[in-house]
C-alpha atoms as a PDB file:
ATOM      1  CA  MET A   1     151.514  10.373  59.761  1.00  0.00           C
ATOM      2  CA  ARG A   2     147.760   9.976  60.092  1.00  0.00           C
ATOM      3  CA  LEU A   3     145.462  11.956  57.867  1.00  0.00           C
ATOM      4  CA  PRO A   4     142.444  13.789  59.281  1.00  0.00           C
ATOM      5  CA  PRO A   5     139.200  11.713  59.121  1.00  0.00           C
ATOM      6  CA  GLY A   6     137.637  13.864  56.389  1.00  0.00           C
ATOM      7  CA  ILE A   7     140.610  13.382  54.095  1.00  0.00           C
ATOM      8  CA  GLN A   8     140.753   9.641  54.868  1.00  0.00           C
ATOM      9  CA  ALA A   9     137.061   9.312  53.998  1.00  0.00           C
ATOM     10  CA  ASP A  10     137.538  11.242  50.764  1.00  0.00           C
ATOM     11  CA  ARG A  11     140.500   9.040  49.778  1.00  0.00           C
ATOM     12  CA  ALA A  12     138.431   5.910  50.463  1.00  0.00           C
ATOM     13  CA  ARG A  13     135.541   7.350  48.456  1.00  0.00           C
ATOM     14  CA  LEU A  14     137.868   8.167  45.555  1.00  0.00           C
ATOM     15  CA  PHE A  15     139.300   4.640  45.640  1.00  0.00           C
ATOM     16  CA  LYS A  16     135.789   3.123  45.541  1.00  0.00           C
ATOM     17  CA  PHE A  17     134.862   5.517  42.734  1.00  0.00           C
ATOM     18  CA  LEU A  18     137.859   4.367  40.707  1.00  0.00           C
ATOM     19  CA  LEU A  19     136.994   0.679  41.238  1.00  0.00           C
ATOM     20  CA  VAL A  20     133.337   1.155  40.279  1.00  0.00           C
ATOM     21  CA  GLY A  21     134.444   3.397  37.444  1.00  0.00           C
ATOM     22  CA  ALA A  22     136.833   0.736  36.137  1.00  0.00           C
ATOM     23  CA  VAL A  23     133.964  -1.720  35.742  1.00  0.00           C
ATOM     24  CA  ASN A  24     131.732   0.907  34.136  1.00  0.00           C
ATOM     25  CA  THR A  25     134.579   2.082  31.898  1.00  0.00           C
ATOM     26  CA  ALA A  26     135.323  -1.445  30.706  1.00  0.00           C
ATOM     27  CA  PHE A  27     131.662  -1.879  29.807  1.00  0.00           C
ATOM     28  CA  GLY A  28     131.281   1.566  28.226  1.00  0.00           C
ATOM     29  CA  TYR A  29     134.538   1.430  26.280  1.00  0.00           C
ATOM     30  CA  SER A  30     133.623  -2.045  24.966  1.00  0.00           C
ATOM     31  CA  VAL A  31     130.291  -0.700  23.715  1.00  0.00           C
ATOM     32  CA  PHE A  32     132.131   2.289  22.181  1.00  0.00           C
ATOM     33  CA  LEU A  33     134.626   0.026  20.366  1.00  0.00           C
ATOM     34  CA  ILE A  34     131.969  -2.366  19.082  1.00  0.00           C
ATOM     35  CA  ALA A  35     129.897   0.562  17.822  1.00  0.00           C
ATOM     36  CA  LEU A  36     132.941   2.143  16.124  1.00  0.00           C
ATOM     37  CA  TRP A  37     133.951  -1.128  14.504  1.00  0.00           C
ATOM     38  CA  SER A  38     130.415  -1.623  13.235  1.00  0.00           C
ATOM     39  CA  GLY A  39     130.688   1.713  11.403  1.00  0.00           C
ATOM     40  CA  MET A  40     128.885   4.043  13.808  1.00  0.00           C
ATOM     41  CA  HIS A  41     130.003   7.709  13.940  1.00  0.00           C
ATOM     42  CA  TYR A  42     132.238   8.372  16.975  1.00  0.00           C
ATOM     43  CA  ALA A  43     129.734  10.802  18.545  1.00  0.00           C
ATOM     44  CA  LEU A  44     126.894   8.269  18.306  1.00  0.00           C
ATOM     45  CA  ALA A  45     129.145   5.479  19.552  1.00  0.00           C
ATOM     46  CA  ALA A  46     130.168   7.570  22.575  1.00  0.00           C
ATOM     47  CA  GLY A  47     126.546   8.551  23.180  1.00  0.00           C
ATOM     48  CA  LEU A  48     125.380   4.935  23.097  1.00  0.00           C
ATOM     49  CA  ALA A  49     128.110   3.906  25.535  1.00  0.00           C
ATOM     50  CA  THR A  50     127.210   6.814  27.825  1.00  0.00           C
ATOM     51  CA  VAL A  51     123.485   6.096  27.851  1.00  0.00           C
ATOM     52  CA  LEU A  52     123.952   2.383  28.495  1.00  0.00           C
ATOM     53  CA  GLY A  53     126.392   3.085  31.310  1.00  0.00           C
ATOM     54  CA  ILE A  54     124.376   5.772  33.095  1.00  0.00           C
ATOM     55  CA  PHE A  55     121.873   3.585  34.933  1.00  0.00           C
ATOM     56  CA  PHE A  56     124.371   0.975  36.092  1.00  0.00           C
ATOM     57  CA  ASN A  57     126.733   3.719  37.128  1.00  0.00           C
ATOM     58  CA  PHE A  58     124.034   5.691  38.968  1.00  0.00           C
ATOM     59  CA  ILE A  59     123.211   2.735  41.199  1.00  0.00           C
ATOM     60  CA  ALA A  60     126.814   1.611  41.681  1.00  0.00           C
ATOM     61  CA  THR A  61     128.228   5.086  42.254  1.00  0.00           C
ATOM     62  CA  GLY A  62     125.349   6.138  44.479  1.00  0.00           C
ATOM     63  CA  CYS A  63     125.353   3.032  46.669  1.00  0.00           C
ATOM     64  CA  ILE A  64     128.983   1.995  46.812  1.00  0.00           C
ATOM     65  CA  VAL A  65     130.795   5.309  46.561  1.00  0.00           C
ATOM     66  CA  PHE A  66     128.559   8.034  47.970  1.00  0.00           C
ATOM     67  CA  GLY A  67     125.995   6.069  49.992  1.00  0.00           C
ATOM     68  CA  GLY A  68     122.844   7.346  48.306  1.00  0.00           C
ATOM     69  CA  ARG A  69     120.874   6.401  45.218  1.00  0.00           C
ATOM     70  CA  GLU A  70     117.653   8.332  45.658  1.00  0.00           C
ATOM     71  CA  LEU A  71     115.927   8.763  42.307  1.00  0.00           C
ATOM     72  CA  ARG A  72     115.618  12.503  42.942  1.00  0.00           C
ATOM     73  CA  ARG A  73     119.370  12.664  42.242  1.00  0.00           C
ATOM     74  CA  LEU A  74     119.053  11.019  38.815  1.00  0.00           C
ATOM     75  CA  PRO A  75     118.411  14.247  36.813  1.00  0.00           C
ATOM     76  CA  ARG A  76     121.593  15.832  38.210  1.00  0.00           C
ATOM     77  CA  PHE A  77     123.486  12.602  37.570  1.00  0.00           C
ATOM     78  CA  VAL A  78     122.307  12.618  33.947  1.00  0.00           C
ATOM     79  CA  MET A  79     123.312  16.279  33.593  1.00  0.00           C
ATOM     80  CA  VAL A  80     126.793  15.472  34.940  1.00  0.00           C
ATOM     81  CA  TYR A  81     127.174  12.717  32.380  1.00  0.00           C
ATOM     82  CA  ALA A  82     125.842  14.961  29.619  1.00  0.00           C
ATOM     83  CA  LEU A  83     128.619  17.414  30.462  1.00  0.00           C
ATOM     84  CA  VAL A  84     131.221  14.637  30.647  1.00  0.00           C
ATOM     85  CA  TYR A  85     129.933  13.362  27.284  1.00  0.00           C
ATOM     86  CA  ALA A  86     130.342  16.836  25.761  1.00  0.00           C
ATOM     87  CA  VAL A  87     133.903  17.096  27.087  1.00  0.00           C
ATOM     88  CA  ASN A  88     134.615  13.606  25.728  1.00  0.00           C
ATOM     89  CA  ILE A  89     133.268  14.485  22.261  1.00  0.00           C
ATOM     90  CA  LEU A  90     135.260  17.720  22.195  1.00  0.00           C
ATOM     91  CA  GLY A  91     138.383  15.791  23.170  1.00  0.00           C
ATOM     92  CA  LEU A  92     137.737  13.163  20.488  1.00  0.00           C
ATOM     93  CA  LYS A  93     137.241  15.878  17.908  1.00  0.00           C
ATOM     94  CA  ILE A  94     140.580  17.446  18.878  1.00  0.00           C
ATOM     95  CA  PHE A  95     142.369  14.086  18.682  1.00  0.00           C
ATOM     96  CA  LEU A  96     140.793  13.404  15.273  1.00  0.00           C
ATOM     97  CA  PHE A  97     141.908  16.831  14.049  1.00  0.00           C
ATOM     98  CA  PHE A  98     145.499  15.851  14.864  1.00  0.00           C
ATOM     99  CA  GLY A  99     145.123  12.491  13.112  1.00  0.00           C
ATOM    100  CA  VAL A 100     144.682  10.313  16.203  1.00  0.00           C
ATOM    101  CA  HIS A 101     142.131   7.523  15.746  1.00  0.00           C
ATOM    102  CA  ALA A 102     138.959   7.803  17.835  1.00  0.00           C
ATOM    103  CA  TRP A 103     139.636   4.558  19.695  1.00  0.00           C
ATOM    104  CA  VAL A 104     143.085   5.830  20.789  1.00  0.00           C
ATOM    105  CA  GLY A 105     141.734   9.259  21.683  1.00  0.00           C
ATOM    106  CA  GLY A 106     139.025   7.546  23.723  1.00  0.00           C
ATOM    107  CA  LEU A 107     141.699   5.764  25.756  1.00  0.00           C
ATOM    108  CA  PHE A 108     143.506   9.040  26.493  1.00  0.00           C
ATOM    109  CA  LEU A 109     140.241  10.676  27.586  1.00  0.00           C
ATOM    110  CA  ILE A 110     139.204   7.999  30.103  1.00  0.00           C
ATOM    111  CA  LEU A 111     141.173   9.383  33.064  1.00  0.00           C
ATOM    112  CA  PRO A 112     140.406  13.104  32.592  1.00  0.00           C
ATOM    113  CA  CYS A 113     136.705  12.318  32.120  1.00  0.00           C
ATOM    114  CA  ALA A 114     136.733  10.065  35.203  1.00  0.00           C
ATOM    115  CA  VAL A 115     138.272  12.832  37.323  1.00  0.00           C
ATOM    116  CA  LEU A 116     135.745  15.366  36.015  1.00  0.00           C
ATOM    117  CA  SER A 117     132.925  12.912  36.725  1.00  0.00           C
ATOM    118  CA  TYR A 118     134.131  12.286  40.284  1.00  0.00           C
ATOM    119  CA  ILE A 119     134.425  15.988  41.087  1.00  0.00           C
ATOM    120  CA  LEU A 120     130.986  16.802  39.671  1.00  0.00           C
ATOM    121  CA  ASN A 121     129.295  13.818  41.324  1.00  0.00           C
ATOM    122  CA  ARG A 122     130.917  14.534  44.693  1.00  0.00           C
ATOM    123  CA  ASN A 123     130.068  18.243  44.646  1.00  0.00           C
ATOM    124  CA  TYR A 124     126.819  18.386  42.713  1.00  0.00           C
ATOM    125  CA  VAL A 125     124.948  15.070  42.701  1.00  0.00           C
ATOM    126  CA  PHE A 126     125.883  13.284  45.936  1.00  0.00           C
ATOM    127  CA  ARG A 127     126.867  16.329  47.973  1.00  0.00           C
ATOM    128  CA  GLN A 128     126.659  15.723  51.711  1.00  0.00           C
ATOM    129  CA  ALA A 129     124.282  17.962  53.635  1.00  0.00           C
END
């Protein structure tokens, strides 16, 4: 059974997003772990990883996934990642409350934050006219 072109394009876009996101996640999570292991508070460690990943991710996500990296989109992109950061910190705080280490909680939050990021970027930052 063949899928309609719009759904096929969205599936391809999601697949590209996940590949680009895997590279960005590996980088960001490595920064997060190094910062945690060096004694940084989990919120600062997550913030550092987010800030360092934003510019790489803006170019990669814009070009490879959504086909647009105009700088006028950068403020919305930053706002999306600020929201994703807030969700991530809230999730980490909940995991810590239940005695789960921040590095483990961070692993569990990767996929939900990636899905949230994709939805917000698709509908808010790189929305097609």
